[in-house]
Amino acid sequence: TPDLFARLDAAGIARHFVTLHVGAGTFLPVKGEDLSQHRMHAEFG
């Protein structure tokens, strides 16, 4: 919230921003049992 941001600023805690466009692949279940077989959907950052 704006209030929390103000309190973080007062405490000397910095804010930095990056961008990662979260894709619908985040909702997809992991198929199968073997983790090595799972492939993540690419997202631009």
ModelCIF file with pLDDT and N, C-alpha, C, O atoms, coordinates in Angstrom:
data_MODEL
#
_entry.id   MODEL 
#
_entity.id                         1 
_entity.type                       polymer 
_entity.pdbx_number_of_molecules   1 
#
_entity_poly.entity_id                      1 
_entity_poly.type                           'polypeptide(L)' 
_entity_poly.nstd_linkage                   no 
_entity_poly.nstd_monomer                   no 
_entity_poly.pdbx_seq_one_letter_code       TPDLFARLDAAGIARHFVTLHVGAGTFLPVKGEDLSQHRMHAEFG 
_entity_poly.pdbx_seq_one_letter_code_can   TPDLFARLDAAGIARHFVTLHVGAGTFLPVKGEDLSQHRMHAEFG 
_entity_poly.pdbx_strand_id                 A 
#
loop_
_entity_poly_seq.entity_id 
_entity_poly_seq.num 
_entity_poly_seq.mon_id 
_entity_poly_seq.hetero 
1 1  THR n 
1 2  PRO n 
1 3  ASP n 
1 4  LEU n 
1 5  PHE n 
1 6  ALA n 
1 7  ARG n 
1 8  LEU n 
1 9  ASP n 
1 10 ALA n 
1 11 ALA n 
1 12 GLY n 
1 13 ILE n 
1 14 ALA n 
1 15 ARG n 
1 16 HIS n 
1 17 PHE n 
1 18 VAL n 
1 19 THR n 
1 20 LEU n 
1 21 HIS n 
1 22 VAL n 
1 23 GLY n 
1 24 ALA n 
1 25 GLY n 
1 26 THR n 
1 27 PHE n 
1 28 LEU n 
1 29 PRO n 
1 30 VAL n 
1 31 LYS n 
1 32 GLY n 
1 33 GLU n 
1 34 ASP n 
1 35 LEU n 
1 36 SER n 
1 37 GLN n 
1 38 HIS n 
1 39 ARG n 
1 40 MET n 
1 41 HIS n 
1 42 ALA n 
1 43 GLU n 
1 44 PHE n 
1 45 GLY n 
#
_struct_asym.id          A 
_struct_asym.entity_id   1 
#
loop_
_ma_qa_metric.id 
_ma_qa_metric.mode 
_ma_qa_metric.name 
_ma_qa_metric.software_group_id 
_ma_qa_metric.type 
1 global pLDDT . pLDDT 
2 local  pLDDT . pLDDT 
#
_ma_qa_metric_global.metric_id      1 
_ma_qa_metric_global.metric_value   87.31 
_ma_qa_metric_global.model_id       1 
_ma_qa_metric_global.ordinal_id     1 
#
loop_
_ma_qa_metric_local.label_asym_id 
_ma_qa_metric_local.label_comp_id 
_ma_qa_metric_local.label_seq_id 
_ma_qa_metric_local.metric_id 
_ma_qa_metric_local.metric_value 
_ma_qa_metric_local.model_id 
_ma_qa_metric_local.ordinal_id 
A THR 1  2 98.00 1 1  
A PRO 2  2 98.00 1 2  
A ASP 3  2 98.00 1 3  
A LEU 4  2 98.00 1 4  
A PHE 5  2 98.00 1 5  
A ALA 6  2 98.00 1 6  
A ARG 7  2 98.00 1 7  
A LEU 8  2 98.00 1 8  
A ASP 9  2 98.00 1 9  
A ALA 10 2 98.00 1 10 
A ALA 11 2 98.00 1 11 
A GLY 12 2 98.00 1 12 
A ILE 13 2 98.00 1 13 
A ALA 14 2 98.00 1 14 
A ARG 15 2 98.00 1 15 
A HIS 16 2 98.00 1 16 
A PHE 17 2 98.00 1 17 
A VAL 18 2 98.00 1 18 
A THR 19 2 98.00 1 19 
A LEU 20 2 97.00 1 20 
A HIS 21 2 94.00 1 21 
A VAL 22 2 91.00 1 22 
A GLY 23 2 83.00 1 23 
A ALA 24 2 70.00 1 24 
A GLY 25 2 67.00 1 25 
A THR 26 2 66.00 1 26 
A PHE 27 2 61.00 1 27 
A LEU 28 2 65.00 1 28 
A PRO 29 2 66.00 1 29 
A VAL 30 2 77.00 1 30 
A LYS 31 2 75.00 1 31 
A GLY 32 2 75.00 1 32 
A GLU 33 2 82.00 1 33 
A ASP 34 2 80.00 1 34 
A LEU 35 2 80.00 1 35 
A SER 36 2 76.00 1 36 
A GLN 37 2 75.00 1 37 
A HIS 38 2 80.00 1 38 
A ARG 39 2 79.00 1 39 
A MET 40 2 82.00 1 40 
A HIS 41 2 80.00 1 41 
A ALA 42 2 86.00 1 42 
A GLU 43 2 91.00 1 43 
A PHE 44 2 93.00 1 44 
A GLY 45 2 96.00 1 45 
#
loop_
_atom_site.group_PDB 
_atom_site.id 
_atom_site.type_symbol 
_atom_site.label_atom_id 
_atom_site.label_alt_id 
_atom_site.label_comp_id 
_atom_site.label_asym_id 
_atom_site.label_entity_id 
_atom_site.label_seq_id 
_atom_site.pdbx_PDB_ins_code 
_atom_site.Cartn_x 
_atom_site.Cartn_y 
_atom_site.Cartn_z 
_atom_site.occupancy 
_atom_site.B_iso_or_equiv 
_atom_site.pdbx_formal_charge 
_atom_site.auth_seq_id 
_atom_site.auth_comp_id 
_atom_site.auth_asym_id 
_atom_site.auth_atom_id 
_atom_site.pdbx_PDB_model_num 
ATOM 1   N N  . THR A 1 1  ? 0.858  -1.186  0.000   1.00 98.00 ? 1  THR A N  1 
ATOM 2   C CA . THR A 1 1  ? 0.000  0.000   0.000   1.00 98.00 ? 1  THR A CA 1 
ATOM 3   C C  . THR A 1 1  ? 0.898  1.242   0.000   1.00 98.00 ? 1  THR A C  1 
ATOM 4   O O  . THR A 1 1  ? 2.082  1.144   0.322   1.00 98.00 ? 1  THR A O  1 
ATOM 5   N N  . PRO A 1 2  ? 0.348  2.410   -0.358  1.00 98.00 ? 2  PRO A N  1 
ATOM 6   C CA . PRO A 1 2  ? 1.147  3.638   -0.258  1.00 98.00 ? 2  PRO A CA 1 
ATOM 7   C C  . PRO A 1 2  ? 1.693  3.870   1.150   1.00 98.00 ? 2  PRO A C  1 
ATOM 8   O O  . PRO A 1 2  ? 2.826  4.325   1.304   1.00 98.00 ? 2  PRO A O  1 
ATOM 9   N N  . ASP A 1 3  ? 0.901  3.564   2.176   1.00 98.00 ? 3  ASP A N  1 
ATOM 10  C CA . ASP A 1 3  ? 1.369  3.740   3.548   1.00 98.00 ? 3  ASP A CA 1 
ATOM 11  C C  . ASP A 1 3  ? 2.553  2.836   3.855   1.00 98.00 ? 3  ASP A C  1 
ATOM 12  O O  . ASP A 1 3  ? 3.519  3.273   4.481   1.00 98.00 ? 3  ASP A O  1 
ATOM 13  N N  . LEU A 1 4  ? 2.490  1.584   3.422   1.00 98.00 ? 4  LEU A N  1 
ATOM 14  C CA . LEU A 1 4  ? 3.607  0.665   3.657   1.00 98.00 ? 4  LEU A CA 1 
ATOM 15  C C  . LEU A 1 4  ? 4.845  1.129   2.901   1.00 98.00 ? 4  LEU A C  1 
ATOM 16  O O  . LEU A 1 4  ? 5.955  1.061   3.430   1.00 98.00 ? 4  LEU A O  1 
ATOM 17  N N  . PHE A 1 5  ? 4.667  1.598   1.671   1.00 98.00 ? 5  PHE A N  1 
ATOM 18  C CA . PHE A 1 5  ? 5.811  2.130   0.918   1.00 98.00 ? 5  PHE A CA 1 
ATOM 19  C C  . PHE A 1 5  ? 6.456  3.296   1.680   1.00 98.00 ? 5  PHE A C  1 
ATOM 20  O O  . PHE A 1 5  ? 7.682  3.376   1.758   1.00 98.00 ? 5  PHE A O  1 
ATOM 21  N N  . ALA A 1 6  ? 5.649  4.188   2.237   1.00 98.00 ? 6  ALA A N  1 
ATOM 22  C CA . ALA A 1 6  ? 6.185  5.336   2.968   1.00 98.00 ? 6  ALA A CA 1 
ATOM 23  C C  . ALA A 1 6  ? 6.979  4.888   4.193   1.00 98.00 ? 6  ALA A C  1 
ATOM 24  O O  . ALA A 1 6  ? 8.022  5.463   4.502   1.00 98.00 ? 6  ALA A O  1 
ATOM 25  N N  . ARG A 1 7  ? 6.494  3.879   4.879   1.00 98.00 ? 7  ARG A N  1 
ATOM 26  C CA . ARG A 1 7  ? 7.195  3.378   6.066   1.00 98.00 ? 7  ARG A CA 1 
ATOM 27  C C  . ARG A 1 7  ? 8.477  2.649   5.686   1.00 98.00 ? 7  ARG A C  1 
ATOM 28  O O  . ARG A 1 7  ? 9.464  2.722   6.419   1.00 98.00 ? 7  ARG A O  1 
ATOM 29  N N  . LEU A 1 8  ? 8.481  1.958   4.571   1.00 98.00 ? 8  LEU A N  1 
ATOM 30  C CA . LEU A 1 8  ? 9.708  1.319   4.086   1.00 98.00 ? 8  LEU A CA 1 
ATOM 31  C C  . LEU A 1 8  ? 10.744 2.378   3.700   1.00 98.00 ? 8  LEU A C  1 
ATOM 32  O O  . LEU A 1 8  ? 11.932 2.230   3.989   1.00 98.00 ? 8  LEU A O  1 
ATOM 33  N N  . ASP A 1 9  ? 10.283 3.444   3.046   1.00 98.00 ? 9  ASP A N  1 
ATOM 34  C CA . ASP A 1 9  ? 11.183 4.539   2.693   1.00 98.00 ? 9  ASP A CA 1 
ATOM 35  C C  . ASP A 1 9  ? 11.820 5.140   3.946   1.00 98.00 ? 9  ASP A C  1 
ATOM 36  O O  . ASP A 1 9  ? 13.027 5.382   3.986   1.00 98.00 ? 9  ASP A O  1 
ATOM 37  N N  . ALA A 1 10 ? 10.998 5.376   4.962   1.00 98.00 ? 10 ALA A N  1 
ATOM 38  C CA . ALA A 1 10 ? 11.494 5.973   6.201   1.00 98.00 ? 10 ALA A CA 1 
ATOM 39  C C  . ALA A 1 10 ? 12.516 5.076   6.898   1.00 98.00 ? 10 ALA A C  1 
ATOM 40  O O  . ALA A 1 10 ? 13.396 5.556   7.612   1.00 98.00 ? 10 ALA A O  1 
ATOM 41  N N  . ALA A 1 11 ? 12.384 3.763   6.679   1.00 98.00 ? 11 ALA A N  1 
ATOM 42  C CA . ALA A 1 11 ? 13.314 2.810   7.295   1.00 98.00 ? 11 ALA A CA 1 
ATOM 43  C C  . ALA A 1 11 ? 14.590 2.625   6.478   1.00 98.00 ? 11 ALA A C  1 
ATOM 44  O O  . ALA A 1 11 ? 15.468 1.856   6.869   1.00 98.00 ? 11 ALA A O  1 
ATOM 45  N N  . GLY A 1 12 ? 14.699 3.326   5.345   1.00 98.00 ? 12 GLY A N  1 
ATOM 46  C CA . GLY A 1 12 ? 15.906 3.226   4.527   1.00 98.00 ? 12 GLY A CA 1 
ATOM 47  C C  . GLY A 1 12 ? 15.977 1.980   3.671   1.00 98.00 ? 12 GLY A C  1 
ATOM 48  O O  . GLY A 1 12 ? 17.063 1.530   3.305   1.00 98.00 ? 12 GLY A O  1 
ATOM 49  N N  . ILE A 1 13 ? 14.834 1.430   3.355   1.00 98.00 ? 13 ILE A N  1 
ATOM 50  C CA . ILE A 1 13 ? 14.767 0.209   2.532   1.00 98.00 ? 13 ILE A CA 1 
ATOM 51  C C  . ILE A 1 13 ? 14.420 0.610   1.106   1.00 98.00 ? 13 ILE A C  1 
ATOM 52  O O  . ILE A 1 13 ? 13.388 1.237   0.868   1.00 98.00 ? 13 ILE A O  1 
ATOM 53  N N  . ALA A 1 14 ? 15.278 0.251   0.160   1.00 98.00 ? 14 ALA A N  1 
ATOM 54  C CA . ALA A 1 14 ? 15.148 0.702   -1.225  1.00 98.00 ? 14 ALA A CA 1 
ATOM 55  C C  . ALA A 1 14 ? 14.141 -0.146  -1.991  1.00 98.00 ? 14 ALA A C  1 
ATOM 56  O O  . ALA A 1 14 ? 13.884 -1.301  -1.650  1.00 98.00 ? 14 ALA A O  1 
ATOM 57  N N  . ARG A 1 15 ? 13.572 0.464   -3.045  1.00 98.00 ? 15 ARG A N  1 
ATOM 58  C CA . ARG A 1 15 ? 12.676 -0.242  -3.957  1.00 98.00 ? 15 ARG A CA 1 
ATOM 59  C C  . ARG A 1 15 ? 13.267 -0.223  -5.356  1.00 98.00 ? 15 ARG A C  1 
ATOM 60  O O  . ARG A 1 15 ? 13.715 0.818   -5.838  1.00 98.00 ? 15 ARG A O  1 
ATOM 61  N N  . HIS A 1 16 ? 13.267 -1.380  -6.003  1.00 98.00 ? 16 HIS A N  1 
ATOM 62  C CA . HIS A 1 16 ? 13.707 -1.492  -7.389  1.00 98.00 ? 16 HIS A CA 1 
ATOM 63  C C  . HIS A 1 16 ? 12.674 -2.326  -8.144  1.00 98.00 ? 16 HIS A C  1 
ATOM 64  O O  . HIS A 1 16 ? 11.977 -3.157  -7.561  1.00 98.00 ? 16 HIS A O  1 
ATOM 65  N N  . PHE A 1 17 ? 12.592 -2.085  -9.465  1.00 98.00 ? 17 PHE A N  1 
ATOM 66  C CA . PHE A 1 17 ? 11.549 -2.723  -10.256 1.00 98.00 ? 17 PHE A CA 1 
ATOM 67  C C  . PHE A 1 17 ? 12.148 -3.442  -11.460 1.00 98.00 ? 17 PHE A C  1 
ATOM 68  O O  . PHE A 1 17 ? 13.027 -2.926  -12.150 1.00 98.00 ? 17 PHE A O  1 
ATOM 69  N N  . VAL A 1 18 ? 11.647 -4.634  -11.685 1.00 98.00 ? 18 VAL A N  1 
ATOM 70  C CA . VAL A 1 18 ? 11.938 -5.408  -12.893 1.00 98.00 ? 18 VAL A CA 1 
ATOM 71  C C  . VAL A 1 18 ? 10.590 -5.728  -13.537 1.00 98.00 ? 18 VAL A C  1 
ATOM 72  O O  . VAL A 1 18 ? 9.545  -5.458  -12.945 1.00 98.00 ? 18 VAL A O  1 
ATOM 73  N N  . THR A 1 19 ? 10.602 -6.292  -14.723 1.00 98.00 ? 19 THR A N  1 
ATOM 74  C CA . THR A 1 19 ? 9.353  -6.623  -15.413 1.00 98.00 ? 19 THR A CA 1 
ATOM 75  C C  . THR A 1 19 ? 9.408  -8.054  -15.929 1.00 98.00 ? 19 THR A C  1 
ATOM 76  O O  . THR A 1 19 ? 10.285 -8.404  -16.718 1.00 98.00 ? 19 THR A O  1 
ATOM 77  N N  . LEU A 1 20 ? 8.475  -8.871  -15.483 1.00 97.00 ? 20 LEU A N  1 
ATOM 78  C CA . LEU A 1 20 ? 8.283  -10.204 -16.067 1.00 97.00 ? 20 LEU A CA 1 
ATOM 79  C C  . LEU A 1 20 ? 6.799  -10.367 -16.341 1.00 97.00 ? 20 LEU A C  1 
ATOM 80  O O  . LEU A 1 20 ? 5.985  -10.358 -15.418 1.00 97.00 ? 20 LEU A O  1 
ATOM 81  N N  . HIS A 1 21 ? 6.449  -10.518 -17.614 1.00 94.00 ? 21 HIS A N  1 
ATOM 82  C CA . HIS A 1 21 ? 5.040  -10.651 -17.989 1.00 94.00 ? 21 HIS A CA 1 
ATOM 83  C C  . HIS A 1 21 ? 4.585  -12.091 -17.720 1.00 94.00 ? 21 HIS A C  1 
ATOM 84  O O  . HIS A 1 21 ? 4.912  -13.017 -18.462 1.00 94.00 ? 21 HIS A O  1 
ATOM 85  N N  . VAL A 1 22 ? 3.834  -12.241 -16.652 1.00 91.00 ? 22 VAL A N  1 
ATOM 86  C CA . VAL A 1 22 ? 3.415  -13.572 -16.208 1.00 91.00 ? 22 VAL A CA 1 
ATOM 87  C C  . VAL A 1 22 ? 2.422  -14.140 -17.211 1.00 91.00 ? 22 VAL A C  1 
ATOM 88  O O  . VAL A 1 22 ? 1.441  -13.484 -17.561 1.00 91.00 ? 22 VAL A O  1 
ATOM 89  N N  . GLY A 1 23 ? 2.677  -15.362 -17.673 1.00 83.00 ? 23 GLY A N  1 
ATOM 90  C CA . GLY A 1 23 ? 1.831  -15.985 -18.681 1.00 83.00 ? 23 GLY A CA 1 
ATOM 91  C C  . GLY A 1 23 ? 0.823  -16.951 -18.087 1.00 83.00 ? 23 GLY A C  1 
ATOM 92  O O  . GLY A 1 23 ? 0.898  -17.305 -16.910 1.00 83.00 ? 23 GLY A O  1 
ATOM 93  N N  . ALA A 1 24 ? -0.118 -17.373 -18.913 1.00 70.00 ? 24 ALA A N  1 
ATOM 94  C CA . ALA A 1 24 ? -1.151 -18.314 -18.456 1.00 70.00 ? 24 ALA A CA 1 
ATOM 95  C C  . ALA A 1 24 ? -0.562 -19.675 -18.127 1.00 70.00 ? 24 ALA A C  1 
ATOM 96  O O  . ALA A 1 24 ? -1.210 -20.482 -17.460 1.00 70.00 ? 24 ALA A O  1 
ATOM 97  N N  . GLY A 1 25 ? 0.634  -19.938 -18.575 1.00 67.00 ? 25 GLY A N  1 
ATOM 98  C CA . GLY A 1 25 ? 1.292  -21.195 -18.244 1.00 67.00 ? 25 GLY A CA 1 
ATOM 99  C C  . GLY A 1 25 ? 1.482  -21.377 -16.750 1.00 67.00 ? 25 GLY A C  1 
ATOM 100 O O  . GLY A 1 25 ? 1.681  -22.495 -16.277 1.00 67.00 ? 25 GLY A O  1 
ATOM 101 N N  . THR A 1 26 ? 1.421  -20.257 -15.992 1.00 66.00 ? 26 THR A N  1 
ATOM 102 C CA . THR A 1 26 ? 1.558  -20.355 -14.543 1.00 66.00 ? 26 THR A CA 1 
ATOM 103 C C  . THR A 1 26 ? 0.421  -21.164 -13.925 1.00 66.00 ? 26 THR A C  1 
ATOM 104 O O  . THR A 1 26 ? 0.574  -21.701 -12.828 1.00 66.00 ? 26 THR A O  1 
ATOM 105 N N  . PHE A 1 27 ? -0.733 -21.259 -14.624 1.00 61.00 ? 27 PHE A N  1 
ATOM 106 C CA . PHE A 1 27 ? -1.875 -22.019 -14.104 1.00 61.00 ? 27 PHE A CA 1 
ATOM 107 C C  . PHE A 1 27 ? -1.842 -23.490 -14.518 1.00 61.00 ? 27 PHE A C  1 
ATOM 108 O O  . PHE A 1 27 ? -2.641 -24.290 -14.029 1.00 61.00 ? 27 PHE A O  1 
ATOM 109 N N  . LEU A 1 28 ? -0.923 -23.850 -15.416 1.00 65.00 ? 28 LEU A N  1 
ATOM 110 C CA . LEU A 1 28 ? -0.929 -25.213 -15.928 1.00 65.00 ? 28 LEU A CA 1 
ATOM 111 C C  . LEU A 1 28 ? -0.331 -26.178 -14.913 1.00 65.00 ? 28 LEU A C  1 
ATOM 112 O O  . LEU A 1 28 ? 0.687  -25.864 -14.295 1.00 65.00 ? 28 LEU A O  1 
ATOM 113 N N  . PRO A 1 29 ? -0.938 -27.336 -14.732 1.00 66.00 ? 29 PRO A N  1 
ATOM 114 C CA . PRO A 1 29 ? -0.392 -28.315 -13.785 1.00 66.00 ? 29 PRO A CA 1 
ATOM 115 C C  . PRO A 1 29 ? 0.862  -28.968 -14.339 1.00 66.00 ? 29 PRO A C  1 
ATOM 116 O O  . PRO A 1 29 ? 1.095  -28.988 -15.548 1.00 66.00 ? 29 PRO A O  1 
ATOM 117 N N  . VAL A 1 30 ? 1.662  -29.501 -13.425 1.00 77.00 ? 30 VAL A N  1 
ATOM 118 C CA . VAL A 1 30 ? 2.828  -30.283 -13.838 1.00 77.00 ? 30 VAL A CA 1 
ATOM 119 C C  . VAL A 1 30 ? 2.329  -31.666 -14.212 1.00 77.00 ? 30 VAL A C  1 
ATOM 120 O O  . VAL A 1 30 ? 1.713  -32.354 -13.397 1.00 77.00 ? 30 VAL A O  1 
ATOM 121 N N  . LYS A 1 31 ? 2.595  -32.071 -15.439 1.00 75.00 ? 31 LYS A N  1 
ATOM 122 C CA . LYS A 1 31 ? 2.111  -33.367 -15.919 1.00 75.00 ? 31 LYS A CA 1 
ATOM 123 C C  . LYS A 1 31 ? 3.129  -34.459 -15.601 1.00 75.00 ? 31 LYS A C  1 
ATOM 124 O O  . LYS A 1 31 ? 4.340  -34.247 -15.679 1.00 75.00 ? 31 LYS A O  1 
ATOM 125 N N  . GLY A 1 32 ? 2.610  -35.623 -15.245 1.00 75.00 ? 32 GLY A N  1 
ATOM 126 C CA . GLY A 1 32 ? 3.497  -36.737 -14.953 1.00 75.00 ? 32 GLY A CA 1 
ATOM 127 C C  . GLY A 1 32 ? 4.114  -36.613 -13.571 1.00 75.00 ? 32 GLY A C  1 
ATOM 128 O O  . GLY A 1 32 ? 3.767  -35.715 -12.804 1.00 75.00 ? 32 GLY A O  1 
ATOM 129 N N  . GLU A 1 33 ? 5.022  -37.509 -13.264 1.00 82.00 ? 33 GLU A N  1 
ATOM 130 C CA . GLU A 1 33 ? 5.662  -37.558 -11.951 1.00 82.00 ? 33 GLU A CA 1 
ATOM 131 C C  . GLU A 1 33 ? 7.121  -37.133 -11.982 1.00 82.00 ? 33 GLU A C  1 
ATOM 132 O O  . GLU A 1 33 ? 7.676  -36.761 -10.948 1.00 82.00 ? 33 GLU A O  1 
ATOM 133 N N  . ASP A 1 34 ? 7.747  -37.180 -13.142 1.00 80.00 ? 34 ASP A N  1 
ATOM 134 C CA . ASP A 1 34 ? 9.176  -36.913 -13.257 1.00 80.00 ? 34 ASP A CA 1 
ATOM 135 C C  . ASP A 1 34 ? 9.409  -35.424 -13.507 1.00 80.00 ? 34 ASP A C  1 
ATOM 136 O O  . ASP A 1 34 ? 9.026  -34.902 -14.554 1.00 80.00 ? 34 ASP A O  1 
ATOM 137 N N  . LEU A 1 35 ? 10.036 -34.739 -12.546 1.00 80.00 ? 35 LEU A N  1 
ATOM 138 C CA . LEU A 1 35 ? 10.269 -33.302 -12.682 1.00 80.00 ? 35 LEU A CA 1 
ATOM 139 C C  . LEU A 1 35 ? 11.116 -32.977 -13.902 1.00 80.00 ? 35 LEU A C  1 
ATOM 140 O O  . LEU A 1 35 ? 10.940 -31.923 -14.514 1.00 80.00 ? 35 LEU A O  1 
ATOM 141 N N  . SER A 1 36 ? 12.025 -33.861 -14.258 1.00 76.00 ? 36 SER A N  1 
ATOM 142 C CA . SER A 1 36 ? 12.939 -33.569 -15.369 1.00 76.00 ? 36 SER A CA 1 
ATOM 143 C C  . SER A 1 36 ? 12.207 -33.501 -16.710 1.00 76.00 ? 36 SER A C  1 
ATOM 144 O O  . SER A 1 36 ? 12.753 -32.986 -17.686 1.00 76.00 ? 36 SER A O  1 
ATOM 145 N N  . GLN A 1 37 ? 10.985 -34.011 -16.765 1.00 75.00 ? 37 GLN A N  1 
ATOM 146 C CA . GLN A 1 37 ? 10.239 -34.000 -18.011 1.00 75.00 ? 37 GLN A CA 1 
ATOM 147 C C  . GLN A 1 37 ? 9.383  -32.749 -18.188 1.00 75.00 ? 37 GLN A C  1 
ATOM 148 O O  . GLN A 1 37 ? 8.828  -32.525 -19.264 1.00 75.00 ? 37 GLN A O  1 
ATOM 149 N N  . HIS A 1 38 ? 9.272  -31.929 -17.134 1.00 80.00 ? 38 HIS A N  1 
ATOM 150 C CA . HIS A 1 38 ? 8.413  -30.742 -17.220 1.00 80.00 ? 38 HIS A CA 1 
ATOM 151 C C  . HIS A 1 38 ? 9.126  -29.605 -17.943 1.00 80.00 ? 38 HIS A C  1 
ATOM 152 O O  . HIS A 1 38 ? 10.317 -29.377 -17.731 1.00 80.00 ? 38 HIS A O  1 
ATOM 153 N N  . ARG A 1 39 ? 8.397  -28.899 -18.792 1.00 79.00 ? 39 ARG A N  1 
ATOM 154 C CA . ARG A 1 39 ? 8.940  -27.745 -19.506 1.00 79.00 ? 39 ARG A CA 1 
ATOM 155 C C  . ARG A 1 39 ? 8.092  -26.515 -19.175 1.00 79.00 ? 39 ARG A C  1 
ATOM 156 O O  . ARG A 1 39 ? 6.878  -26.515 -19.375 1.00 79.00 ? 39 ARG A O  1 
ATOM 157 N N  . MET A 1 40 ? 8.737  -25.488 -18.676 1.00 82.00 ? 40 MET A N  1 
ATOM 158 C CA . MET A 1 40 ? 8.043  -24.250 -18.343 1.00 82.00 ? 40 MET A CA 1 
ATOM 159 C C  . MET A 1 40 ? 7.719  -23.479 -19.616 1.00 82.00 ? 40 MET A C  1 
ATOM 160 O O  . MET A 1 40 ? 8.481  -23.527 -20.582 1.00 82.00 ? 40 MET A O  1 
ATOM 161 N N  . HIS A 1 41 ? 6.583  -22.762 -19.625 1.00 80.00 ? 41 HIS A N  1 
ATOM 162 C CA . HIS A 1 41 ? 6.288  -21.843 -20.715 1.00 80.00 ? 41 HIS A CA 1 
ATOM 163 C C  . HIS A 1 41 ? 7.179  -20.613 -20.577 1.00 80.00 ? 41 HIS A C  1 
ATOM 164 O O  . HIS A 1 41 ? 7.395  -20.112 -19.473 1.00 80.00 ? 41 HIS A O  1 
ATOM 165 N N  . ALA A 1 42 ? 7.688  -20.136 -21.693 1.00 86.00 ? 42 ALA A N  1 
ATOM 166 C CA . ALA A 1 42 ? 8.566  -18.971 -21.677 1.00 86.00 ? 42 ALA A CA 1 
ATOM 167 C C  . ALA A 1 42 ? 7.779  -17.702 -21.386 1.00 86.00 ? 42 ALA A C  1 
ATOM 168 O O  . ALA A 1 42 ? 6.642  -17.546 -21.832 1.00 86.00 ? 42 ALA A O  1 
ATOM 169 N N  . GLU A 1 43 ? 8.393  -16.803 -20.635 1.00 91.00 ? 43 GLU A N  1 
ATOM 170 C CA . GLU A 1 43 ? 7.812  -15.501 -20.305 1.00 91.00 ? 43 GLU A CA 1 
ATOM 171 C C  . GLU A 1 43 ? 8.873  -14.429 -20.559 1.00 91.00 ? 43 GLU A C  1 
ATOM 172 O O  . GLU A 1 43 ? 10.061 -14.649 -20.324 1.00 91.00 ? 43 GLU A O  1 
ATOM 173 N N  . PHE A 1 44 ? 8.427  -13.266 -21.041 1.00 93.00 ? 44 PHE A N  1 
ATOM 174 C CA . PHE A 1 44 ? 9.377  -12.214 -21.391 1.00 93.00 ? 44 PHE A CA 1 
ATOM 175 C C  . PHE A 1 44 ? 9.646  -11.326 -20.178 1.00 93.00 ? 44 PHE A C  1 
ATOM 176 O O  . PHE A 1 44 ? 8.728  -10.911 -19.470 1.00 93.00 ? 44 PHE A O  1 
ATOM 177 N N  . GLY A 1 45 ? 10.938 -11.046 -19.958 1.00 96.00 ? 45 GLY A N  1 
ATOM 178 C CA . GLY A 1 45 ? 11.309 -10.232 -18.811 1.00 96.00 ? 45 GLY A CA 1 
ATOM 179 C C  . GLY A 1 45 ? 12.386 -9.221  -19.137 1.00 96.00 ? 45 GLY A C  1 
ATOM 180 O O  . GLY A 1 45 ? 12.803 -8.460  -18.264 1.00 96.00 ? 45 GLY A O  1 
#
